[in-house]
N, C-alpha and C. Protein backbone atom coordinates (compact mmCIF):
# COMPACT_ATOMS: atom_id res chain seq x y z
N MET A 1 96.09 203.57 201.13
CA MET A 1 94.86 204.07 201.70
C MET A 1 94.30 205.15 200.78
N ASN A 2 93.02 205.18 200.61
CA ASN A 2 92.36 206.22 199.81
C ASN A 2 92.02 207.42 200.69
N VAL A 3 92.17 208.61 200.13
CA VAL A 3 91.81 209.84 200.84
C VAL A 3 90.95 210.71 199.93
N MET A 4 90.08 211.49 200.53
CA MET A 4 89.26 212.44 199.79
C MET A 4 89.73 213.85 200.17
N PHE A 5 89.78 214.74 199.19
CA PHE A 5 90.14 216.12 199.47
C PHE A 5 89.47 217.04 198.46
N LYS A 6 89.46 218.33 198.78
CA LYS A 6 88.83 219.32 197.90
C LYS A 6 89.84 220.39 197.51
N HIS A 7 89.76 220.82 196.27
CA HIS A 7 90.49 221.98 195.77
C HIS A 7 89.46 223.10 195.63
N GLN A 8 89.83 224.28 196.06
CA GLN A 8 88.89 225.40 195.99
C GLN A 8 89.63 226.64 195.51
N SER A 9 89.02 227.40 194.61
CA SER A 9 89.63 228.64 194.14
C SER A 9 89.69 229.65 195.28
N LEU A 10 90.60 230.60 195.19
CA LEU A 10 90.76 231.60 196.24
C LEU A 10 89.48 232.40 196.49
N ASN A 11 88.72 232.65 195.43
CA ASN A 11 87.48 233.41 195.61
C ASN A 11 86.30 232.49 195.95
N ARG A 12 86.57 231.20 196.09
CA ARG A 12 85.59 230.19 196.48
C ARG A 12 84.45 230.00 195.48
N GLU A 13 84.66 230.42 194.25
CA GLU A 13 83.63 230.24 193.23
C GLU A 13 83.73 228.86 192.57
N PHE A 14 84.86 228.19 192.74
CA PHE A 14 85.06 226.89 192.12
C PHE A 14 85.57 225.91 193.17
N GLU A 15 85.01 224.71 193.16
CA GLU A 15 85.45 223.68 194.08
C GLU A 15 85.43 222.33 193.37
N LEU A 16 86.44 221.53 193.61
CA LEU A 16 86.56 220.23 192.98
C LEU A 16 86.92 219.20 194.04
N SER A 17 86.11 218.17 194.19
CA SER A 17 86.41 217.08 195.11
C SER A 17 87.18 216.01 194.37
N MET A 18 88.17 215.46 195.05
CA MET A 18 89.01 214.43 194.42
C MET A 18 89.28 213.30 195.40
N GLU A 19 89.60 212.14 194.86
CA GLU A 19 90.02 211.00 195.65
C GLU A 19 91.38 210.57 195.14
N ALA A 20 92.27 210.22 196.06
CA ALA A 20 93.62 209.79 195.68
C ALA A 20 94.07 208.67 196.60
N GLN A 21 95.09 207.97 196.16
CA GLN A 21 95.68 206.92 196.99
C GLN A 21 96.97 207.45 197.60
N THR A 22 97.23 207.07 198.84
CA THR A 22 98.43 207.50 199.53
C THR A 22 99.40 206.33 199.63
N THR A 23 100.64 206.66 199.95
CA THR A 23 101.67 205.65 200.16
C THR A 23 102.62 206.16 201.24
N ARG A 24 103.26 205.28 201.94
CA ARG A 24 104.17 205.69 203.00
C ARG A 24 105.48 206.25 202.45
N ASN A 25 105.91 205.76 201.29
CA ASN A 25 107.21 206.19 200.76
C ASN A 25 107.12 206.30 199.24
N VAL A 26 106.90 207.49 198.73
CA VAL A 26 106.71 207.66 197.29
C VAL A 26 108.00 207.58 196.49
N THR A 27 109.15 207.73 197.14
CA THR A 27 110.42 207.73 196.41
C THR A 27 111.16 206.41 196.47
N GLY A 28 110.63 205.42 197.19
CA GLY A 28 111.31 204.13 197.27
C GLY A 28 112.70 204.29 197.87
N LYS A 29 113.70 203.76 197.20
CA LYS A 29 115.08 203.84 197.68
C LYS A 29 115.88 204.88 196.89
N LEU A 30 115.19 205.84 196.32
CA LEU A 30 115.83 206.86 195.51
C LEU A 30 116.81 207.68 196.35
N GLN A 31 118.01 207.83 195.84
CA GLN A 31 119.06 208.58 196.53
C GLN A 31 119.19 209.99 195.93
N THR A 32 119.68 210.93 196.74
CA THR A 32 119.88 212.28 196.24
C THR A 32 121.05 212.32 195.26
N VAL A 33 121.06 213.32 194.40
CA VAL A 33 122.13 213.52 193.42
C VAL A 33 122.83 214.83 193.74
N ASN A 34 124.14 214.81 193.79
CA ASN A 34 124.90 216.04 193.99
C ASN A 34 125.11 216.67 192.62
N TRP A 35 124.22 217.58 192.25
CA TRP A 35 124.27 218.19 190.92
C TRP A 35 125.44 219.14 190.76
N GLN A 36 126.03 219.59 191.85
CA GLN A 36 127.23 220.43 191.75
C GLN A 36 128.36 219.63 191.10
N ILE A 37 128.43 218.35 191.37
CA ILE A 37 129.44 217.48 190.77
C ILE A 37 128.97 216.96 189.42
N MET A 38 127.73 216.51 189.34
CA MET A 38 127.21 215.90 188.11
C MET A 38 127.16 216.87 186.94
N LYS A 39 126.90 218.16 187.22
CA LYS A 39 126.76 219.11 186.11
C LYS A 39 128.06 219.32 185.35
N GLU A 40 129.19 218.95 185.93
CA GLU A 40 130.47 219.07 185.23
C GLU A 40 130.56 218.10 184.06
N GLN A 41 129.74 217.06 184.08
CA GLN A 41 129.74 216.06 183.00
C GLN A 41 128.91 216.50 181.80
N TRP A 42 128.07 217.52 181.97
CA TRP A 42 127.21 217.99 180.89
C TRP A 42 127.37 219.50 180.72
N PRO A 43 128.00 219.94 179.66
CA PRO A 43 128.28 221.36 179.44
C PRO A 43 127.03 222.25 179.47
N HIS A 44 125.89 221.76 179.04
CA HIS A 44 124.68 222.59 179.02
C HIS A 44 124.14 222.86 180.42
N LEU A 45 124.64 222.18 181.44
CA LEU A 45 124.20 222.39 182.82
C LEU A 45 125.19 223.22 183.64
N LYS A 46 126.33 223.55 183.08
CA LYS A 46 127.42 224.14 183.87
C LYS A 46 127.09 225.46 184.53
N ASP A 47 126.19 226.26 183.97
CA ASP A 47 125.87 227.57 184.55
C ASP A 47 124.60 227.58 185.41
N ILE A 48 124.03 226.43 185.66
CA ILE A 48 122.81 226.37 186.47
C ILE A 48 123.18 226.32 187.94
N PRO A 49 122.65 227.23 188.75
CA PRO A 49 122.98 227.24 190.19
C PRO A 49 122.10 226.26 190.98
N PHE A 50 122.39 224.97 190.85
CA PHE A 50 121.61 223.96 191.56
C PHE A 50 121.73 224.17 193.07
N PRO A 51 120.64 223.97 193.82
CA PRO A 51 120.71 224.10 195.28
C PRO A 51 121.45 222.93 195.90
N SER A 52 121.99 223.16 197.05
CA SER A 52 122.69 222.11 197.79
C SER A 52 121.67 221.16 198.40
N THR A 53 122.04 219.88 198.48
CA THR A 53 121.16 218.90 199.11
C THR A 53 121.36 218.87 200.62
N GLY A 54 122.32 219.61 201.12
CA GLY A 54 122.55 219.67 202.56
C GLY A 54 123.09 218.37 203.15
N GLY A 55 123.68 217.53 202.34
CA GLY A 55 124.27 216.29 202.83
C GLY A 55 123.29 215.14 203.00
N LYS A 56 122.02 215.36 202.66
CA LYS A 56 121.04 214.28 202.79
C LYS A 56 121.32 213.21 201.74
N LYS A 57 121.23 211.97 202.14
CA LYS A 57 121.48 210.85 201.22
C LYS A 57 120.21 210.26 200.64
N LYS A 58 119.09 210.42 201.35
CA LYS A 58 117.84 209.84 200.92
C LYS A 58 116.81 210.94 200.67
N ILE A 59 115.97 210.72 199.66
CA ILE A 59 114.89 211.66 199.33
C ILE A 59 113.66 211.25 200.12
N TYR A 60 113.04 212.20 200.79
CA TYR A 60 111.83 211.94 201.59
C TYR A 60 110.62 212.55 200.95
């Protein structure tokens, strides 16, 4: 479905109208990744404090 929306600057001096297409599921069947486990496979990622996915299996 097509939707119309506007972007406006905080001071309201600039406004841009746009049209975009929507979809019910933008991620398809994409599954979450537990980066706490995966980062052990790549040394350059070992010190990054990735957030927890909270046990979710699917990305919404």
